[in-house]
Amino acid sequence: MSNQDFRDNWINTPTFELSPIEKPDMSPFLFHMTGENAIHAILNGQGSEVSLPEKHGWIQSNIPESSTNANYNAPVVCLTESPIFCLDFFRFRSRRRWMENQRFGVGFSKISLVNKKVRPCIYVESNLCRQINRLGHKIAQINELAERLETKDRGLVEDFSSLINSIYPLTVSLSETNQLQGFMWEREWRLPSSDGLSFHYSDIEVVCCPSEETSTIKEILVGYEQNIQFVNTWIEYNEVTDYLINRERNHQFQNRENATNQQVLNNAKNSVKQMKRTISELERYMSVTNRFREHSNEIQENINNIKQQVLEREVQMKRLEEINNK
């Protein structure tokens, strides 16, 4: 392999824009998942104490659930960077999410939320999480101490206080000793704020919802719905398709009247390099999908066999219940 091969195939997409077609566990979006009633309230901006402009939604801040951090009290807006095709895992992992039927969600560009101070959570061992939690509760005392110190010593304490204030809302325990080992699977990002997250409809990139709810949500977002991707997180993987459409737009270049021949040539070279990289990425993607396709008959046969076993077990259970009830 040569340096030229690397240059032709180099994936230079900025980190916040990486998609599953380049790296299957990456997503350029951040999602807030919720239930049917809640998504209507979010899109209508209900609950905000501040009067929102027209065509704005609002996500309320909450104190996240945590089994190992009972005294945690930082209000945050919670989001996940899980790729679209992974989002339905949340319902099968959490009874609360299952009962709330969290098949609904709003997705935003990751880079846009980074610019709004949304940050990835910091997953640390349980003891360290508890230490940070305790310090977070003692910030007021630390600040009082700083006021009593001489000026030359005050700066160090103030820096320490600022550091804890920044880290505390983002800290999540690994829960490494618990049976299910915590919430690292959430791949959580947070906005530390008691004001929640307000957004314009034009900020929305993706809406997750069942097909039968799409028209109702589009009525709320009327005027902006054409630029939003609507997905069923449990059966669709439109992220790849939209990614390719966007790449195709990037491949296009025009010979504008005010462009020099050199500029047109440079645009053409960049376009060709981009297309070569896309070819390479698609080939890698196809190699994965082909492996699944090759075994599709075998997978279907296994599904049928397991279904048959379930029926047999259910018949057996029914007979045993009848015997026990006699």
Protein backbone atom coordinates (compact mmCIF):
# COMPACT_ATOMS: atom_id res chain seq x y z
CA MET A 1 0.00 0.00 0.00
CA SER A 2 1.34 3.40 -0.97
CA ASN A 3 0.92 6.90 0.38
CA GLN A 4 -1.16 7.66 -2.71
CA ASP A 5 -3.52 4.80 -1.81
CA PHE A 6 -3.95 6.31 1.64
CA ARG A 7 -4.59 9.80 0.23
CA ASP A 8 -7.22 8.39 -2.15
CA ASN A 9 -8.99 6.50 0.63
CA TRP A 10 -8.38 8.77 3.59
CA ILE A 11 -11.57 9.41 5.55
CA ASN A 12 -11.27 13.07 6.47
CA THR A 13 -14.86 13.65 7.60
CA PRO A 14 -14.86 15.80 10.77
CA THR A 15 -15.47 13.68 13.86
CA PHE A 16 -18.85 15.17 14.75
CA GLU A 17 -20.11 14.39 11.23
CA LEU A 18 -19.00 10.75 11.00
CA SER A 19 -21.87 8.45 10.00
CA PRO A 20 -22.41 4.68 10.28
CA ILE A 21 -21.40 4.14 6.68
CA GLU A 22 -17.88 5.27 7.59
CA LYS A 23 -17.80 3.80 11.09
CA PRO A 24 -20.85 1.73 12.08
CA ASP A 25 -20.98 2.89 15.70
CA MET A 26 -20.87 6.62 14.88
CA SER A 27 -23.68 9.06 14.20
CA PRO A 28 -23.71 12.73 13.16
CA PHE A 29 -26.87 13.23 15.24
CA LEU A 30 -27.83 13.58 18.90
CA PHE A 31 -31.29 12.29 19.86
CA HIS A 32 -33.68 12.98 22.69
CA MET A 33 -35.96 9.94 22.93
CA THR A 34 -39.38 10.15 24.57
CA GLY A 35 -43.02 9.01 24.44
CA GLU A 36 -45.91 10.02 22.20
CA ASN A 37 -47.48 12.67 24.44
CA ALA A 38 -44.10 14.11 25.38
CA ILE A 39 -42.93 14.61 21.80
CA HIS A 40 -46.05 16.63 21.00
CA ALA A 41 -45.38 18.79 24.07
CA ILE A 42 -41.72 19.19 23.08
CA LEU A 43 -42.49 20.26 19.53
CA ASN A 44 -45.19 22.66 20.74
CA GLY A 45 -42.82 24.19 23.31
CA GLN A 46 -45.13 23.35 26.20
CA GLY A 47 -43.93 23.74 29.76
CA SER A 48 -41.33 26.41 29.19
CA GLU A 49 -41.45 29.20 31.73
CA VAL A 50 -40.04 31.53 29.07
CA SER A 51 -42.29 32.60 26.22
CA LEU A 52 -40.92 30.96 23.10
CA PRO A 53 -41.05 32.47 19.60
CA GLU A 54 -43.24 30.82 16.99
CA LYS A 55 -41.93 27.60 15.41
CA HIS A 56 -39.82 26.77 18.45
CA GLY A 57 -39.77 23.63 20.56
CA TRP A 58 -38.40 23.02 24.03
CA ILE A 59 -36.94 20.05 25.93
CA GLN A 60 -37.24 20.21 29.69
CA SER A 61 -34.27 19.71 31.99
CA ASN A 62 -34.47 16.84 34.45
CA ILE A 63 -32.32 15.20 37.09
CA PRO A 64 -31.31 11.86 35.47
CA GLU A 65 -32.12 8.54 37.08
CA SER A 66 -29.13 6.84 38.64
CA SER A 67 -28.94 3.85 40.95
CA THR A 68 -25.52 4.79 42.38
CA ASN A 69 -25.73 8.56 42.60
CA ALA A 70 -28.82 9.15 44.71
CA ASN A 71 -27.76 12.66 45.77
CA TYR A 72 -27.06 13.90 42.24
CA ASN A 73 -29.13 17.04 41.70
CA ALA A 74 -27.86 18.75 38.53
CA PRO A 75 -30.67 19.56 36.05
CA VAL A 76 -29.64 18.52 32.54
CA VAL A 77 -31.11 17.79 29.12
CA CYS A 78 -30.20 14.22 28.14
CA LEU A 79 -29.44 13.07 24.60
CA THR A 80 -27.75 10.08 22.99
CA GLU A 81 -25.27 9.74 20.15
CA SER A 82 -26.41 6.18 19.35
CA PRO A 83 -26.90 5.61 15.60
CA ILE A 84 -30.51 5.55 14.42
CA PHE A 85 -30.64 1.79 13.98
CA CYS A 86 -29.58 1.30 17.64
CA LEU A 87 -32.14 3.56 19.30
CA ASP A 88 -34.84 0.97 19.87
CA PHE A 89 -32.47 -0.91 22.18
CA PHE A 90 -33.34 1.68 24.83
CA ARG A 91 -36.91 0.37 25.20
CA PHE A 92 -35.74 -3.20 25.66
CA ARG A 93 -33.20 -2.21 28.31
CA SER A 94 -35.36 0.05 30.46
CA ARG A 95 -38.79 -0.83 31.86
CA ARG A 96 -39.60 2.86 32.25
CA ARG A 97 -38.84 3.54 28.61
CA TRP A 98 -40.85 0.51 27.58
CA MET A 99 -43.89 1.62 29.59
CA GLU A 100 -43.59 5.13 28.14
CA ASN A 101 -43.41 3.63 24.63
CA GLN A 102 -40.31 5.63 23.79
CA ARG A 103 -40.41 5.10 20.04
CA PHE A 104 -40.48 8.87 19.55
CA GLY A 105 -37.52 11.19 19.39
CA VAL A 106 -36.02 14.38 18.01
CA GLY A 107 -32.58 14.35 16.41
CA PHE A 108 -30.26 17.32 15.93
CA SER A 109 -26.93 17.85 14.21
CA LYS A 110 -24.20 16.92 16.67
CA ILE A 111 -22.06 19.92 15.73
CA SER A 112 -24.99 22.32 16.23
CA LEU A 113 -25.53 21.06 19.78
CA VAL A 114 -21.80 21.12 20.53
CA ASN A 115 -22.01 24.81 19.71
CA LYS A 116 -24.82 25.06 22.29
CA LYS A 117 -22.55 23.59 25.00
CA VAL A 118 -23.94 20.06 24.87
CA ARG A 119 -21.17 17.68 25.93
CA PRO A 120 -20.56 13.90 26.19
CA CYS A 121 -20.90 12.37 29.61
CA ILE A 122 -17.85 11.29 31.58
CA TYR A 123 -18.13 7.65 32.68
CA VAL A 124 -16.01 6.92 35.75
CA GLU A 125 -15.75 4.19 38.38
CA SER A 126 -18.34 4.28 41.17
CA ASN A 127 -16.04 5.52 43.95
CA LEU A 128 -14.71 8.39 41.86
CA CYS A 129 -18.25 9.28 40.81
CA ARG A 130 -19.29 9.47 44.48
CA GLN A 131 -16.28 11.67 45.30
CA ILE A 132 -17.15 14.10 42.52
CA ASN A 133 -20.76 14.02 43.66
CA ARG A 134 -19.77 14.93 47.22
CA LEU A 135 -17.58 17.79 46.00
CA GLY A 136 -20.40 19.01 43.81
CA HIS A 137 -22.58 19.33 46.90
CA LYS A 138 -19.85 21.20 48.74
CA ILE A 139 -19.27 23.87 46.11
CA ALA A 140 -21.04 26.50 48.22
CA GLN A 141 -18.71 25.74 51.13
CA ILE A 142 -15.70 25.84 48.83
CA ASN A 143 -16.76 29.21 47.48
CA GLU A 144 -17.19 30.53 51.04
CA LEU A 145 -13.67 29.33 51.81
CA ALA A 146 -12.33 31.17 48.77
CA GLU A 147 -13.84 34.43 50.01
CA ARG A 148 -11.97 34.12 53.31
CA LEU A 149 -8.61 33.41 51.70
CA GLU A 150 -6.04 35.97 50.73
CA THR A 151 -6.09 37.06 47.11
CA LYS A 152 -2.96 35.05 46.21
CA ASP A 153 -4.61 31.80 47.38
CA ARG A 154 -8.13 32.55 46.25
CA GLY A 155 -7.50 31.90 42.54
CA LEU A 156 -6.51 28.26 43.07
CA VAL A 157 -9.68 27.50 45.07
CA GLU A 158 -11.85 29.32 42.52
CA ASP A 159 -10.27 27.30 39.69
CA PHE A 160 -10.96 24.09 41.60
CA SER A 161 -14.57 25.14 42.19
CA SER A 162 -15.03 25.96 38.50
CA LEU A 163 -13.58 22.58 37.50
CA ILE A 164 -15.95 20.64 39.76
CA ASN A 165 -18.91 22.71 38.59
CA SER A 166 -18.07 21.77 34.99
CA ILE A 167 -17.44 18.06 35.59
CA TYR A 168 -20.18 17.27 38.13
CA PRO A 169 -23.22 17.54 35.78
CA LEU A 170 -21.55 15.31 33.18
CA THR A 171 -20.32 12.56 35.49
CA VAL A 172 -21.96 9.13 35.32
CA SER A 173 -21.00 6.06 37.32
CA LEU A 174 -19.83 2.93 35.51
CA SER A 175 -21.73 0.94 38.17
CA GLU A 176 -19.13 -1.74 37.57
CA THR A 177 -20.25 -3.86 40.54
CA ASN A 178 -23.96 -3.84 39.65
CA GLN A 179 -25.51 -6.81 37.87
CA LEU A 180 -26.33 -4.80 34.73
CA GLN A 181 -23.29 -2.51 35.09
CA GLY A 182 -24.83 0.92 34.66
CA PHE A 183 -25.79 3.08 31.72
CA MET A 184 -22.70 3.37 29.55
CA TRP A 185 -24.73 1.88 26.70
CA GLU A 186 -26.73 5.12 26.54
CA ARG A 187 -23.73 6.95 25.03
CA GLU A 188 -25.19 9.97 26.73
CA TRP A 189 -24.56 13.65 26.07
CA ARG A 190 -25.90 16.38 28.37
CA LEU A 191 -26.71 20.05 28.39
CA PRO A 192 -26.18 21.24 31.98
CA SER A 193 -28.93 23.82 32.34
CA SER A 194 -32.02 24.43 34.41
CA ASP A 195 -33.52 26.32 31.45
CA GLY A 196 -33.85 23.29 29.19
CA LEU A 197 -33.06 23.25 25.48
CA SER A 198 -35.00 25.49 23.12
CA PHE A 199 -34.70 25.02 19.37
CA HIS A 200 -36.16 26.24 16.10
CA TYR A 201 -37.90 23.76 13.84
CA SER A 202 -35.15 24.33 11.28
CA ASP A 203 -32.69 22.83 13.80
CA ILE A 204 -34.41 19.43 13.63
CA GLU A 205 -32.64 16.89 11.42
CA VAL A 206 -34.56 13.69 12.28
CA VAL A 207 -37.85 12.74 13.91
CA CYS A 208 -38.36 9.19 15.17
CA CYS A 209 -41.96 7.98 15.25
CA PRO A 210 -44.25 5.16 14.09
CA SER A 211 -45.45 5.57 10.50
CA GLU A 212 -49.03 6.18 11.59
CA GLU A 213 -47.92 9.22 13.65
CA THR A 214 -45.90 10.89 10.90
CA SER A 215 -48.74 12.97 9.47
CA THR A 216 -49.73 14.33 12.91
CA ILE A 217 -46.18 15.42 13.67
CA LYS A 218 -45.76 16.91 10.20
CA GLU A 219 -48.80 19.11 10.90
CA ILE A 220 -46.98 20.57 13.90
CA LEU A 221 -43.82 21.14 11.85
CA VAL A 222 -45.61 22.42 8.75
CA GLY A 223 -43.29 24.47 6.58
CA TYR A 224 -40.20 22.64 7.83
CA GLU A 225 -41.21 18.99 7.52
CA GLN A 226 -39.74 18.65 4.02
CA ASN A 227 -36.22 19.09 5.37
CA ILE A 228 -36.64 16.59 8.21
CA GLN A 229 -35.94 12.86 7.95
CA PHE A 230 -38.76 10.75 9.47
CA VAL A 231 -37.71 7.26 10.59
CA ASN A 232 -39.02 4.21 12.36
CA THR A 233 -36.07 3.39 14.59
CA TRP A 234 -36.97 -0.30 14.80
CA ILE A 235 -37.26 -1.08 11.07
CA GLU A 236 -35.51 1.61 9.07
CA TYR A 237 -31.95 2.64 8.38
CA ASN A 238 -32.43 5.75 6.26
CA GLU A 239 -29.31 7.35 7.65
CA VAL A 240 -27.20 5.57 5.04
CA THR A 241 -29.45 6.69 2.19
CA ASP A 242 -29.48 10.31 3.31
CA TYR A 243 -25.75 10.19 3.85
CA LEU A 244 -25.25 9.13 0.23
CA ILE A 245 -27.58 11.84 -1.02
CA ASN A 246 -25.56 14.45 0.86
CA ARG A 247 -22.34 13.00 -0.48
CA GLU A 248 -23.73 13.22 -4.01
CA ARG A 249 -24.41 16.91 -3.47
CA ASN A 250 -20.81 17.35 -2.38
CA HIS A 251 -19.62 15.63 -5.54
CA GLN A 252 -21.31 18.16 -7.77
CA PHE A 253 -19.42 21.17 -8.97
CA GLN A 254 -20.25 23.93 -11.42
CA ASN A 255 -18.18 25.95 -13.88
CA ARG A 256 -19.28 29.37 -12.68
CA GLU A 257 -18.66 32.37 -14.89
CA ASN A 258 -16.40 34.04 -12.34
CA ALA A 259 -14.39 30.88 -11.62
CA THR A 260 -10.92 30.53 -13.08
CA ASN A 261 -9.83 27.41 -14.92
CA GLN A 262 -7.60 26.56 -11.95
CA GLN A 263 -10.54 26.80 -9.54
CA VAL A 264 -12.66 24.55 -11.76
CA LEU A 265 -9.75 22.10 -12.00
CA ASN A 266 -9.29 22.09 -8.22
CA ASN A 267 -13.02 21.51 -7.72
CA ALA A 268 -12.91 18.64 -10.17
CA LYS A 269 -9.92 17.04 -8.43
CA ASN A 270 -11.57 17.36 -5.02
CA SER A 271 -14.79 15.90 -6.39
CA VAL A 272 -13.00 12.89 -7.88
CA LYS A 273 -11.13 12.25 -4.62
CA GLN A 274 -14.39 12.49 -2.68
CA MET A 275 -16.09 10.03 -5.03
CA LYS A 276 -13.22 7.57 -4.71
CA ARG A 277 -13.49 7.71 -0.94
CA THR A 278 -17.24 7.15 -1.16
CA ILE A 279 -16.69 4.13 -3.41
CA SER A 280 -14.30 2.68 -0.85
CA GLU A 281 -16.75 3.34 1.98
CA LEU A 282 -19.64 1.77 0.05
CA GLU A 283 -17.55 -1.29 -0.75
CA ARG A 284 -16.86 -1.77 2.95
CA TYR A 285 -20.53 -1.31 3.74
CA MET A 286 -21.54 -3.79 1.04
CA SER A 287 -19.11 -6.37 2.37
CA VAL A 288 -20.99 -6.28 5.67
CA THR A 289 -24.49 -6.37 4.17
CA ASN A 290 -23.52 -9.18 1.80
CA ARG A 291 -22.46 -11.35 4.72
CA PHE A 292 -25.92 -10.96 6.20
CA ARG A 293 -27.54 -11.59 2.81
CA GLU A 294 -25.55 -14.80 2.32
CA HIS A 295 -26.96 -16.19 5.55
CA SER A 296 -30.51 -14.87 5.20
CA ASN A 297 -32.01 -18.30 4.40
CA GLU A 298 -30.17 -19.84 7.33
CA ILE A 299 -31.36 -17.05 9.64
CA GLN A 300 -34.96 -17.46 8.48
CA GLU A 301 -34.75 -21.23 9.01
CA ASN A 302 -33.52 -20.66 12.56
CA ILE A 303 -36.35 -18.22 13.22
CA ASN A 304 -38.90 -20.78 12.00
CA ASN A 305 -37.35 -23.52 14.13
CA ILE A 306 -37.42 -21.37 17.24
CA LYS A 307 -41.04 -20.39 16.59
CA GLN A 308 -41.94 -24.06 16.34
CA GLN A 309 -40.14 -24.78 19.62
CA VAL A 310 -42.06 -21.95 21.28
CA LEU A 311 -45.38 -23.44 20.12
CA GLU A 312 -44.38 -26.87 21.41
CA ARG A 313 -43.34 -25.45 24.77
CA GLU A 314 -46.58 -23.51 25.08
CA VAL A 315 -48.61 -26.67 24.40
CA GLN A 316 -46.54 -28.52 26.99
CA MET A 317 -47.01 -25.72 29.53
CA LYS A 318 -50.77 -25.70 28.96
CA ARG A 319 -50.98 -29.45 29.58
CA LEU A 320 -48.95 -29.12 32.79
CA GLU A 321 -51.17 -26.29 33.99
CA GLU A 322 -54.27 -28.41 33.36
CA ILE A 323 -52.77 -31.28 35.33
CA ASN A 324 -51.78 -28.98 38.21
CA ASN A 325 -55.26 -27.49 38.36
CA LYS A 326 -57.00 -30.84 38.71
